[in-house]
Amino acid sequence: ANAGGLATGNLLGGVLASVSSAALVTPYVMHLGLSVIAVIGLCALTP
């Protein structure tokens, strides 16, 4: 999970920067969405 997250962040940032007109914004907006999903998952599924 640690290494997979580190790997995905590198590739995701580069790909989104190449295809987006807002290279310094789009990657971080997507990460905000992932963080919200993770918070919901922890609260709903962990003891």
ModelCIF file with pLDDT and N, C-alpha, C, O atoms, coordinates in Angstrom:
data_MODEL
#
_entry.id   MODEL 
#
_entity.id                         1 
_entity.type                       polymer 
_entity.pdbx_number_of_molecules   1 
#
_entity_poly.entity_id                      1 
_entity_poly.type                           'polypeptide(L)' 
_entity_poly.nstd_linkage                   no 
_entity_poly.nstd_monomer                   no 
_entity_poly.pdbx_seq_one_letter_code       ANAGGLATGNLLGGVLASVSSAALVTPYVMHLGLSVIAVIGLCALTP 
_entity_poly.pdbx_seq_one_letter_code_can   ANAGGLATGNLLGGVLASVSSAALVTPYVMHLGLSVIAVIGLCALTP 
_entity_poly.pdbx_strand_id                 A 
#
loop_
_entity_poly_seq.entity_id 
_entity_poly_seq.num 
_entity_poly_seq.mon_id 
_entity_poly_seq.hetero 
1 1  ALA n 
1 2  ASN n 
1 3  ALA n 
1 4  GLY n 
1 5  GLY n 
1 6  LEU n 
1 7  ALA n 
1 8  THR n 
1 9  GLY n 
1 10 ASN n 
1 11 LEU n 
1 12 LEU n 
1 13 GLY n 
1 14 GLY n 
1 15 VAL n 
1 16 LEU n 
1 17 ALA n 
1 18 SER n 
1 19 VAL n 
1 20 SER n 
1 21 SER n 
1 22 ALA n 
1 23 ALA n 
1 24 LEU n 
1 25 VAL n 
1 26 THR n 
1 27 PRO n 
1 28 TYR n 
1 29 VAL n 
1 30 MET n 
1 31 HIS n 
1 32 LEU n 
1 33 GLY n 
1 34 LEU n 
1 35 SER n 
1 36 VAL n 
1 37 ILE n 
1 38 ALA n 
1 39 VAL n 
1 40 ILE n 
1 41 GLY n 
1 42 LEU n 
1 43 CYS n 
1 44 ALA n 
1 45 LEU n 
1 46 THR n 
1 47 PRO n 
#
_struct_asym.id          A 
_struct_asym.entity_id   1 
#
loop_
_ma_qa_metric.id 
_ma_qa_metric.mode 
_ma_qa_metric.name 
_ma_qa_metric.software_group_id 
_ma_qa_metric.type 
1 global pLDDT . pLDDT 
2 local  pLDDT . pLDDT 
#
_ma_qa_metric_global.metric_id      1 
_ma_qa_metric_global.metric_value   92.53 
_ma_qa_metric_global.model_id       1 
_ma_qa_metric_global.ordinal_id     1 
#
loop_
_ma_qa_metric_local.label_asym_id 
_ma_qa_metric_local.label_comp_id 
_ma_qa_metric_local.label_seq_id 
_ma_qa_metric_local.metric_id 
_ma_qa_metric_local.metric_value 
_ma_qa_metric_local.model_id 
_ma_qa_metric_local.ordinal_id 
A ALA 1  2 91.00 1 1  
A ASN 2  2 88.00 1 2  
A ALA 3  2 84.00 1 3  
A GLY 4  2 88.00 1 4  
A GLY 5  2 93.00 1 5  
A LEU 6  2 88.00 1 6  
A ALA 7  2 87.00 1 7  
A THR 8  2 93.00 1 8  
A GLY 9  2 93.00 1 9  
A ASN 10 2 86.00 1 10 
A LEU 11 2 91.00 1 11 
A LEU 12 2 92.00 1 12 
A GLY 13 2 91.00 1 13 
A GLY 14 2 89.00 1 14 
A VAL 15 2 92.00 1 15 
A LEU 16 2 92.00 1 16 
A ALA 17 2 88.00 1 17 
A SER 18 2 88.00 1 18 
A VAL 19 2 90.00 1 19 
A SER 20 2 88.00 1 20 
A SER 21 2 88.00 1 21 
A ALA 22 2 92.00 1 22 
A ALA 23 2 91.00 1 23 
A LEU 24 2 94.00 1 24 
A VAL 25 2 95.00 1 25 
A THR 26 2 95.00 1 26 
A PRO 27 2 95.00 1 27 
A TYR 28 2 97.00 1 28 
A VAL 29 2 96.00 1 29 
A MET 30 2 96.00 1 30 
A HIS 31 2 97.00 1 31 
A LEU 32 2 97.00 1 32 
A GLY 33 2 96.00 1 33 
A LEU 34 2 97.00 1 34 
A SER 35 2 97.00 1 35 
A VAL 36 2 96.00 1 36 
A ILE 37 2 98.00 1 37 
A ALA 38 2 98.00 1 38 
A VAL 39 2 97.00 1 39 
A ILE 40 2 97.00 1 40 
A GLY 41 2 97.00 1 41 
A LEU 42 2 96.00 1 42 
A CYS 43 2 95.00 1 43 
A ALA 44 2 94.00 1 44 
A LEU 45 2 92.00 1 45 
A THR 46 2 91.00 1 46 
A PRO 47 2 83.00 1 47 
#
loop_
_atom_site.group_PDB 
_atom_site.id 
_atom_site.type_symbol 
_atom_site.label_atom_id 
_atom_site.label_alt_id 
_atom_site.label_comp_id 
_atom_site.label_asym_id 
_atom_site.label_entity_id 
_atom_site.label_seq_id 
_atom_site.pdbx_PDB_ins_code 
_atom_site.Cartn_x 
_atom_site.Cartn_y 
_atom_site.Cartn_z 
_atom_site.occupancy 
_atom_site.B_iso_or_equiv 
_atom_site.pdbx_formal_charge 
_atom_site.auth_seq_id 
_atom_site.auth_comp_id 
_atom_site.auth_asym_id 
_atom_site.auth_atom_id 
_atom_site.pdbx_PDB_model_num 
ATOM 1   N N  . ALA A 1 1  ? 0.828   -1.202 0.000   1.00 91.00 ? 1  ALA A N  1 
ATOM 2   C CA . ALA A 1 1  ? 0.000   0.000  0.000   1.00 91.00 ? 1  ALA A CA 1 
ATOM 3   C C  . ALA A 1 1  ? 0.862   1.251  0.000   1.00 91.00 ? 1  ALA A C  1 
ATOM 4   O O  . ALA A 1 1  ? 0.566   2.227  -0.690  1.00 91.00 ? 1  ALA A O  1 
ATOM 5   N N  . ASN A 1 2  ? 1.937   1.209  0.786   1.00 88.00 ? 2  ASN A N  1 
ATOM 6   C CA . ASN A 1 2  ? 2.867   2.334  0.856   1.00 88.00 ? 2  ASN A CA 1 
ATOM 7   C C  . ASN A 1 2  ? 3.529   2.558  -0.499  1.00 88.00 ? 2  ASN A C  1 
ATOM 8   O O  . ASN A 1 2  ? 3.454   3.651  -1.061  1.00 88.00 ? 2  ASN A O  1 
ATOM 9   N N  . ALA A 1 3  ? 4.178   1.515  -1.021  1.00 84.00 ? 3  ALA A N  1 
ATOM 10  C CA . ALA A 1 3  ? 4.898   1.638  -2.289  1.00 84.00 ? 3  ALA A CA 1 
ATOM 11  C C  . ALA A 1 3  ? 3.954   1.875  -3.455  1.00 84.00 ? 3  ALA A C  1 
ATOM 12  O O  . ALA A 1 3  ? 4.276   2.630  -4.373  1.00 84.00 ? 3  ALA A O  1 
ATOM 13  N N  . GLY A 1 4  ? 2.787   1.236  -3.426  1.00 88.00 ? 4  GLY A N  1 
ATOM 14  C CA . GLY A 1 4  ? 1.816   1.444  -4.505  1.00 88.00 ? 4  GLY A CA 1 
ATOM 15  C C  . GLY A 1 4  ? 1.314   2.876  -4.561  1.00 88.00 ? 4  GLY A C  1 
ATOM 16  O O  . GLY A 1 4  ? 1.125   3.432  -5.643  1.00 88.00 ? 4  GLY A O  1 
ATOM 17  N N  . GLY A 1 5  ? 1.096   3.476  -3.389  1.00 93.00 ? 5  GLY A N  1 
ATOM 18  C CA . GLY A 1 5  ? 0.677   4.873  -3.361  1.00 93.00 ? 5  GLY A CA 1 
ATOM 19  C C  . GLY A 1 5  ? 1.763   5.794  -3.871  1.00 93.00 ? 5  GLY A C  1 
ATOM 20  O O  . GLY A 1 5  ? 1.491   6.714  -4.643  1.00 93.00 ? 5  GLY A O  1 
ATOM 21  N N  . LEU A 1 6  ? 2.998   5.553  -3.441  1.00 88.00 ? 6  LEU A N  1 
ATOM 22  C CA . LEU A 1 6  ? 4.126   6.361  -3.910  1.00 88.00 ? 6  LEU A CA 1 
ATOM 23  C C  . LEU A 1 6  ? 4.288   6.240  -5.426  1.00 88.00 ? 6  LEU A C  1 
ATOM 24  O O  . LEU A 1 6  ? 4.535   7.235  -6.108  1.00 88.00 ? 6  LEU A O  1 
ATOM 25  N N  . ALA A 1 7  ? 4.148   5.029  -5.948  1.00 87.00 ? 7  ALA A N  1 
ATOM 26  C CA . ALA A 1 7  ? 4.287   4.804  -7.388  1.00 87.00 ? 7  ALA A CA 1 
ATOM 27  C C  . ALA A 1 7  ? 3.180   5.508  -8.162  1.00 87.00 ? 7  ALA A C  1 
ATOM 28  O O  . ALA A 1 7  ? 3.444   6.195  -9.149  1.00 87.00 ? 7  ALA A O  1 
ATOM 29  N N  . THR A 1 8  ? 1.953   5.336  -7.717  1.00 93.00 ? 8  THR A N  1 
ATOM 30  C CA . THR A 1 8  ? 0.814   5.922  -8.425  1.00 93.00 ? 8  THR A CA 1 
ATOM 31  C C  . THR A 1 8  ? 0.874   7.440  -8.420  1.00 93.00 ? 8  THR A C  1 
ATOM 32  O O  . THR A 1 8  ? 0.538   8.077  -9.419  1.00 93.00 ? 8  THR A O  1 
ATOM 33  N N  . GLY A 1 9  ? 1.296   8.025  -7.314  1.00 93.00 ? 9  GLY A N  1 
ATOM 34  C CA . GLY A 1 9  ? 1.395   9.481  -7.243  1.00 93.00 ? 9  GLY A CA 1 
ATOM 35  C C  . GLY A 1 9  ? 2.353   10.034 -8.275  1.00 93.00 ? 9  GLY A C  1 
ATOM 36  O O  . GLY A 1 9  ? 2.059   11.042 -8.918  1.00 93.00 ? 9  GLY A O  1 
ATOM 37  N N  . ASN A 1 10 ? 3.500   9.385  -8.444  1.00 86.00 ? 10 ASN A N  1 
ATOM 38  C CA . ASN A 1 10 ? 4.465   9.821  -9.452  1.00 86.00 ? 10 ASN A CA 1 
ATOM 39  C C  . ASN A 1 10 ? 3.872   9.795  -10.851 1.00 86.00 ? 10 ASN A C  1 
ATOM 40  O O  . ASN A 1 10 ? 3.936   10.782 -11.584 1.00 86.00 ? 10 ASN A O  1 
ATOM 41  N N  . LEU A 1 11 ? 3.288   8.643  -11.217 1.00 91.00 ? 11 LEU A N  1 
ATOM 42  C CA . LEU A 1 11 ? 2.764   8.484  -12.569 1.00 91.00 ? 11 LEU A CA 1 
ATOM 43  C C  . LEU A 1 11 ? 1.536   9.359  -12.794 1.00 91.00 ? 11 LEU A C  1 
ATOM 44  O O  . LEU A 1 11 ? 1.396   9.983  -13.846 1.00 91.00 ? 11 LEU A O  1 
ATOM 45  N N  . LEU A 1 12 ? 0.655   9.403  -11.809 1.00 92.00 ? 12 LEU A N  1 
ATOM 46  C CA . LEU A 1 12 ? -0.566  10.192 -11.933 1.00 92.00 ? 12 LEU A CA 1 
ATOM 47  C C  . LEU A 1 12 ? -0.251  11.673 -12.124 1.00 92.00 ? 12 LEU A C  1 
ATOM 48  O O  . LEU A 1 12 ? -0.851  12.336 -12.969 1.00 92.00 ? 12 LEU A O  1 
ATOM 49  N N  . GLY A 1 13 ? 0.697   12.191 -11.330 1.00 91.00 ? 13 GLY A N  1 
ATOM 50  C CA . GLY A 1 13 ? 1.061   13.595 -11.467 1.00 91.00 ? 13 GLY A CA 1 
ATOM 51  C C  . GLY A 1 13 ? 1.610   13.898 -12.846 1.00 91.00 ? 13 GLY A C  1 
ATOM 52  O O  . GLY A 1 13 ? 1.263   14.920 -13.437 1.00 91.00 ? 13 GLY A O  1 
ATOM 53  N N  . GLY A 1 14 ? 2.472   13.019 -13.375 1.00 89.00 ? 14 GLY A N  1 
ATOM 54  C CA . GLY A 1 14 ? 3.051   13.249 -14.686 1.00 89.00 ? 14 GLY A CA 1 
ATOM 55  C C  . GLY A 1 14 ? 2.040   13.160 -15.804 1.00 89.00 ? 14 GLY A C  1 
ATOM 56  O O  . GLY A 1 14 ? 2.037   13.996 -16.708 1.00 89.00 ? 14 GLY A O  1 
ATOM 57  N N  . VAL A 1 15 ? 1.173   12.148 -15.755 1.00 92.00 ? 15 VAL A N  1 
ATOM 58  C CA . VAL A 1 15 ? 0.172   11.980 -16.815 1.00 92.00 ? 15 VAL A CA 1 
ATOM 59  C C  . VAL A 1 15 ? -0.826  13.132 -16.811 1.00 92.00 ? 15 VAL A C  1 
ATOM 60  O O  . VAL A 1 15 ? -1.123  13.695 -17.865 1.00 92.00 ? 15 VAL A O  1 
ATOM 61  N N  . LEU A 1 16 ? -1.343  13.487 -15.647 1.00 92.00 ? 16 LEU A N  1 
ATOM 62  C CA . LEU A 1 16 ? -2.317  14.571 -15.572 1.00 92.00 ? 16 LEU A CA 1 
ATOM 63  C C  . LEU A 1 16 ? -1.699  15.903 -15.987 1.00 92.00 ? 16 LEU A C  1 
ATOM 64  O O  . LEU A 1 16 ? -2.369  16.735 -16.599 1.00 92.00 ? 16 LEU A O  1 
ATOM 65  N N  . ALA A 1 17 ? -0.421  16.108 -15.655 1.00 88.00 ? 17 ALA A N  1 
ATOM 66  C CA . ALA A 1 17 ? 0.248   17.341 -16.072 1.00 88.00 ? 17 ALA A CA 1 
ATOM 67  C C  . ALA A 1 17 ? 0.390   17.403 -17.584 1.00 88.00 ? 17 ALA A C  1 
ATOM 68  O O  . ALA A 1 17 ? 0.379   18.489 -18.163 1.00 88.00 ? 17 ALA A O  1 
ATOM 69  N N  . SER A 1 18 ? 0.523   16.241 -18.233 1.00 88.00 ? 18 SER A N  1 
ATOM 70  C CA . SER A 1 18 ? 0.703   16.202 -19.683 1.00 88.00 ? 18 SER A CA 1 
ATOM 71  C C  . SER A 1 18 ? -0.604  16.401 -20.441 1.00 88.00 ? 18 SER A C  1 
ATOM 72  O O  . SER A 1 18 ? -0.599  16.935 -21.550 1.00 88.00 ? 18 SER A O  1 
ATOM 73  N N  . VAL A 1 19 ? -1.719  15.980 -19.858 1.00 90.00 ? 19 VAL A N  1 
ATOM 74  C CA . VAL A 1 19 ? -2.998  16.029 -20.588 1.00 90.00 ? 19 VAL A CA 1 
ATOM 75  C C  . VAL A 1 19 ? -3.901  17.158 -20.122 1.00 90.00 ? 19 VAL A C  1 
ATOM 76  O O  . VAL A 1 19 ? -4.897  17.457 -20.780 1.00 90.00 ? 19 VAL A O  1 
ATOM 77  N N  . SER A 1 20 ? -3.575  17.791 -19.004 1.00 88.00 ? 20 SER A N  1 
ATOM 78  C CA . SER A 1 20 ? -4.456  18.824 -18.457 1.00 88.00 ? 20 SER A CA 1 
ATOM 79  C C  . SER A 1 20 ? -3.935  20.212 -18.782 1.00 88.00 ? 20 SER A C  1 
ATOM 80  O O  . SER A 1 20 ? -2.728  20.434 -18.878 1.00 88.00 ? 20 SER A O  1 
ATOM 81  N N  . SER A 1 21 ? -4.857  21.132 -18.948 1.00 88.00 ? 21 SER A N  1 
ATOM 82  C CA . SER A 1 21 ? -4.468  22.530 -19.158 1.00 88.00 ? 21 SER A CA 1 
ATOM 83  C C  . SER A 1 21 ? -4.111  23.208 -17.838 1.00 88.00 ? 21 SER A C  1 
ATOM 84  O O  . SER A 1 21 ? -3.557  24.307 -17.828 1.00 88.00 ? 21 SER A O  1 
ATOM 85  N N  . ALA A 1 22 ? -4.431  22.549 -16.731 1.00 92.00 ? 22 ALA A N  1 
ATOM 86  C CA . ALA A 1 22 ? -4.095  23.084 -15.402 1.00 92.00 ? 22 ALA A CA 1 
ATOM 87  C C  . ALA A 1 22 ? -3.175  22.072 -14.713 1.00 92.00 ? 22 ALA A C  1 
ATOM 88  O O  . ALA A 1 22 ? -3.572  21.394 -13.765 1.00 92.00 ? 22 ALA A O  1 
ATOM 89  N N  . ALA A 1 23 ? -1.927  21.987 -15.218 1.00 91.00 ? 23 ALA A N  1 
ATOM 90  C CA . ALA A 1 23 ? -1.007  20.942 -14.771 1.00 91.00 ? 23 ALA A CA 1 
ATOM 91  C C  . ALA A 1 23 ? -0.695  21.009 -13.289 1.00 91.00 ? 23 ALA A C  1 
ATOM 92  O O  . ALA A 1 23 ? -0.403  19.982 -12.677 1.00 91.00 ? 23 ALA A O  1 
ATOM 93  N N  . LEU A 1 24 ? -0.749  22.206 -12.691 1.00 94.00 ? 24 LEU A N  1 
ATOM 94  C CA . LEU A 1 24 ? -0.401  22.366 -11.282 1.00 94.00 ? 24 LEU A CA 1 
ATOM 95  C C  . LEU A 1 24 ? -1.629  22.376 -10.370 1.00 94.00 ? 24 LEU A C  1 
ATOM 96  O O  . LEU A 1 24 ? -1.527  22.698 -9.186  1.00 94.00 ? 24 LEU A O  1 
ATOM 97  N N  . VAL A 1 25 ? -2.779  22.026 -10.922 1.00 95.00 ? 25 VAL A N  1 
ATOM 98  C CA . VAL A 1 25 ? -4.007  22.010 -10.124 1.00 95.00 ? 25 VAL A CA 1 
ATOM 99  C C  . VAL A 1 25 ? -4.697  20.648 -10.180 1.00 95.00 ? 25 VAL A C  1 
ATOM 100 O O  . VAL A 1 25 ? -5.057  20.091 -9.143  1.00 95.00 ? 25 VAL A O  1 
ATOM 101 N N  . THR A 1 26 ? -4.882  20.112 -11.392 1.00 95.00 ? 26 THR A N  1 
ATOM 102 C CA . THR A 1 26 ? -5.665  18.887 -11.579 1.00 95.00 ? 26 THR A CA 1 
ATOM 103 C C  . THR A 1 26 ? -5.199  17.709 -10.728 1.00 95.00 ? 26 THR A C  1 
ATOM 104 O O  . THR A 1 26 ? -6.044  17.036 -10.138 1.00 95.00 ? 26 THR A O  1 
ATOM 105 N N  . PRO A 1 27 ? -3.882  17.421 -10.630 1.00 95.00 ? 27 PRO A N  1 
ATOM 106 C CA . PRO A 1 27 ? -3.468  16.272 -9.804  1.00 95.00 ? 27 PRO A CA 1 
ATOM 107 C C  . PRO A 1 27 ? -3.901  16.388 -8.353  1.00 95.00 ? 27 PRO A C  1 
ATOM 108 O O  . PRO A 1 27 ? -4.270  15.394 -7.728  1.00 95.00 ? 27 PRO A O  1 
ATOM 109 N N  . TYR A 1 28 ? -3.856  17.598 -7.820  1.00 97.00 ? 28 TYR A N  1 
ATOM 110 C CA . TYR A 1 28 ? -4.190  17.781 -6.408  1.00 97.00 ? 28 TYR A CA 1 
ATOM 111 C C  . TYR A 1 28 ? -5.699  17.720 -6.167  1.00 97.00 ? 28 TYR A C  1 
ATOM 112 O O  . TYR A 1 28 ? -6.143  17.281 -5.107  1.00 97.00 ? 28 TYR A O  1 
ATOM 113 N N  . VAL A 1 29 ? -6.478  18.156 -7.140  1.00 96.00 ? 29 VAL A N  1 
ATOM 114 C CA . VAL A 1 29 ? -7.939  18.031 -7.019  1.00 96.00 ? 29 VAL A CA 1 
ATOM 115 C C  . VAL A 1 29 ? -8.326  16.557 -6.974  1.00 96.00 ? 29 VAL A C  1 
ATOM 116 O O  . VAL A 1 29 ? -9.163  16.148 -6.169  1.00 96.00 ? 29 VAL A O  1 
ATOM 117 N N  . MET A 1 30 ? -7.706  15.763 -7.849  1.00 96.00 ? 30 MET A N  1 
ATOM 118 C CA . MET A 1 30 ? -7.995  14.331 -7.839  1.00 96.00 ? 30 MET A CA 1 
ATOM 119 C C  . MET A 1 30 ? -7.596  13.698 -6.508  1.00 96.00 ? 30 MET A C  1 
ATOM 120 O O  . MET A 1 30 ? -8.307  12.834 -5.994  1.00 96.00 ? 30 MET A O  1 
ATOM 121 N N  . HIS A 1 31 ? -6.461  14.124 -5.946  1.00 97.00 ? 31 HIS A N  1 
ATOM 122 C CA . HIS A 1 31 ? -6.037  13.564 -4.676  1.00 97.00 ? 31 HIS A CA 1 
ATOM 123 C C  . HIS A 1 31 ? -6.996  13.927 -3.549  1.00 97.00 ? 31 HIS A C  1 
ATOM 124 O O  . HIS A 1 31 ? -7.215  13.124 -2.642  1.00 97.00 ? 31 HIS A O  1 
ATOM 125 N N  . LEU A 1 32 ? -7.558  15.105 -3.595  1.00 97.00 ? 32 LEU A N  1 
ATOM 126 C CA . LEU A 1 32 ? -8.570  15.473 -2.596  1.00 97.00 ? 32 LEU A CA 1 
ATOM 127 C C  . LEU A 1 32 ? -9.736  14.489 -2.624  1.00 97.00 ? 32 LEU A C  1 
ATOM 128 O O  . LEU A 1 32 ? -10.245 14.088 -1.578  1.00 97.00 ? 32 LEU A O  1 
ATOM 129 N N  . GLY A 1 33 ? -10.151 14.105 -3.828  1.00 96.00 ? 33 GLY A N  1 
ATOM 130 C CA . GLY A 1 33 ? -11.242 13.139 -3.946  1.00 96.00 ? 33 GLY A CA 1 
ATOM 131 C C  . GLY A 1 33 ? -10.880 11.797 -3.340  1.00 96.00 ? 33 GLY A C  1 
ATOM 132 O O  . GLY A 1 33 ? -11.699 11.188 -2.651  1.00 96.00 ? 33 GLY A O  1 
ATOM 133 N N  . LEU A 1 34 ? -9.658  11.323 -3.586  1.00 97.00 ? 34 LEU A N  1 
ATOM 134 C CA . LEU A 1 34 ? -9.200  10.065 -2.996  1.00 97.00 ? 34 LEU A CA 1 
ATOM 135 C C  . LEU A 1 34 ? -9.184  10.139 -1.469  1.00 97.00 ? 34 LEU A C  1 
ATOM 136 O O  . LEU A 1 34 ? -9.540  9.175  -0.792  1.00 97.00 ? 34 LEU A O  1 
ATOM 137 N N  . SER A 1 35 ? -8.771  11.285 -0.935  1.00 97.00 ? 35 SER A N  1 
ATOM 138 C CA . SER A 1 35 ? -8.702  11.450 0.519   1.00 97.00 ? 35 SER A CA 1 
ATOM 139 C C  . SER A 1 35 ? -10.085 11.382 1.145   1.00 97.00 ? 35 SER A C  1 
ATOM 140 O O  . SER A 1 35 ? -10.260 10.775 2.202   1.00 97.00 ? 35 SER A O  1 
ATOM 141 N N  . VAL A 1 36 ? -11.069 12.000 0.501   1.00 96.00 ? 36 VAL A N  1 
ATOM 142 C CA . VAL A 1 36 ? -12.444 11.975 1.023   1.00 96.00 ? 36 VAL A CA 1 
ATOM 143 C C  . VAL A 1 36 ? -12.980 10.545 1.031   1.00 96.00 ? 36 VAL A C  1 
ATOM 144 O O  . VAL A 1 36 ? -13.588 10.114 2.011   1.00 96.00 ? 36 VAL A O  1 
ATOM 145 N N  . ILE A 1 37 ? -12.756 9.812  -0.056  1.00 98.00 ? 37 ILE A N  1 
ATOM 146 C CA . ILE A 1 37 ? -13.205 8.419  -0.126  1.00 98.00 ? 37 ILE A CA 1 
ATOM 147 C C  . ILE A 1 37 ? -12.552 7.594  0.973   1.00 98.00 ? 37 ILE A C  1 
ATOM 148 O O  . ILE A 1 37 ? -13.203 6.755  1.595   1.00 98.00 ? 37 ILE A O  1 
ATOM 149 N N  . ALA A 1 38 ? -11.267 7.831  1.212   1.00 98.00 ? 38 ALA A N  1 
ATOM 150 C CA . ALA A 1 38 ? -10.550 7.079  2.249   1.00 98.00 ? 38 ALA A CA 1 
ATOM 151 C C  . ALA A 1 38 ? -11.102 7.362  3.634   1.00 98.00 ? 38 ALA A C  1 
ATOM 152 O O  . ALA A 1 38 ? -11.238 6.446  4.445   1.00 98.00 ? 38 ALA A O  1 
ATOM 153 N N  . VAL A 1 39 ? -11.424 8.626  3.918   1.00 97.00 ? 39 VAL A N  1 
ATOM 154 C CA . VAL A 1 39 ? -12.008 8.983  5.216   1.00 97.00 ? 39 VAL A CA 1 
ATOM 155 C C  . VAL A 1 39 ? -13.341 8.270  5.415   1.00 97.00 ? 39 VAL A C  1 
ATOM 156 O O  . VAL A 1 39 ? -13.599 7.717  6.484   1.00 97.00 ? 39 VAL A O  1 
ATOM 157 N N  . ILE A 1 40 ? -14.184 8.283  4.391   1.00 97.00 ? 40 ILE A N  1 
ATOM 158 C CA . ILE A 1 40 ? -15.487 7.612  4.482   1.00 97.00 ? 40 ILE A CA 1 
ATOM 159 C C  . ILE A 1 40 ? -15.291 6.114  4.732   1.00 97.00 ? 40 ILE A C  1 
ATOM 160 O O  . ILE A 1 40 ? -15.982 5.519  5.559   1.00 97.00 ? 40 ILE A O  1 
ATOM 161 N N  . GLY A 1 41 ? -14.344 5.513  4.011   1.00 97.00 ? 41 GLY A N  1 
ATOM 162 C CA . GLY A 1 41 ? -14.093 4.086  4.182   1.00 97.00 ? 41 GLY A CA 1 
ATOM 163 C C  . GLY A 1 41 ? -13.637 3.733  5.590   1.00 97.00 ? 41 GLY A C  1 
ATOM 164 O O  . GLY A 1 41 ? -14.104 2.755  6.172   1.00 97.00 ? 41 GLY A O  1 
ATOM 165 N N  . LEU A 1 42 ? -12.720 4.534  6.137   1.00 96.00 ? 42 LEU A N  1 
ATOM 166 C CA . LEU A 1 42 ? -12.247 4.268  7.498   1.00 96.00 ? 42 LEU A CA 1 
ATOM 167 C C  . LEU A 1 42 ? -13.372 4.368  8.516   1.00 96.00 ? 42 LEU A C  1 
ATOM 168 O O  . LEU A 1 42 ? -13.510 3.514  9.392   1.00 96.00 ? 42 LEU A O  1 
ATOM 169 N N  . CYS A 1 43 ? -14.168 5.415  8.393   1.00 95.00 ? 43 CYS A N  1 
ATOM 170 C CA . CYS A 1 43 ? -15.246 5.635  9.372   1.00 95.00 ? 43 CYS A CA 1 
ATOM 171 C C  . CYS A 1 43 ? -16.325 4.558  9.285   1.00 95.00 ? 43 CYS A C  1 
ATOM 172 O O  . CYS A 1 43 ? -16.925 4.191  10.295  1.00 95.00 ? 43 CYS A O  1 
ATOM 173 N N  . ALA A 1 44 ? -16.570 4.051  8.072   1.00 94.00 ? 44 ALA A N  1 
ATOM 174 C CA . ALA A 1 44 ? -17.659 3.099  7.887   1.00 94.00 ? 44 ALA A CA 1 
ATOM 175 C C  . ALA A 1 44 ? -17.242 1.648  8.089   1.00 94.00 ? 44 ALA A C  1 
ATOM 176 O O  . ALA A 1 44 ? -18.068 0.817  8.467   1.00 94.00 ? 44 ALA A O  1 
ATOM 177 N N  . LEU A 1 45 ? -15.984 1.334  7.845   1.00 92.00 ? 45 LEU A N  1 
ATOM 178 C CA . LEU A 1 45 ? -15.602 -0.073 7.743   1.00 92.00 ? 45 LEU A CA 1 
ATOM 179 C C  . LEU A 1 45 ? -14.590 -0.553 8.773   1.00 92.00 ? 45 LEU A C  1 
ATOM 180 O O  . LEU A 1 45 ? -14.349 -1.756 8.868   1.00 92.00 ? 45 LEU A O  1 
ATOM 181 N N  . THR A 1 46 ? -13.997 0.338  9.539   1.00 91.00 ? 46 THR A N  1 
ATOM 182 C CA . THR A 1 46 ? -13.011 -0.094 10.536  1.00 91.00 ? 46 THR A CA 1 
ATOM 183 C C  . THR A 1 46 ? -13.582 0.038  11.941  1.00 91.00 ? 46 THR A C  1 
ATOM 184 O O  . THR A 1 46 ? -14.426 0.901  12.182  1.00 91.00 ? 46 THR A O  1 
ATOM 185 N N  . PRO A 1 47 ? -13.142 -0.795 12.864  1.00 83.00 ? 47 PRO A N  1 
ATOM 186 C CA . PRO A 1 47 ? -13.708 -0.766 14.223  1.00 83.00 ? 47 PRO A CA 1 
ATOM 187 C C  . PRO A 1 47 ? -13.297 0.482  14.988  1.00 83.00 ? 47 PRO A C  1 
ATOM 188 O O  . PRO A 1 47 ? -13.688 0.656  16.142  1.00 83.00 ? 47 PRO A O  1 
#
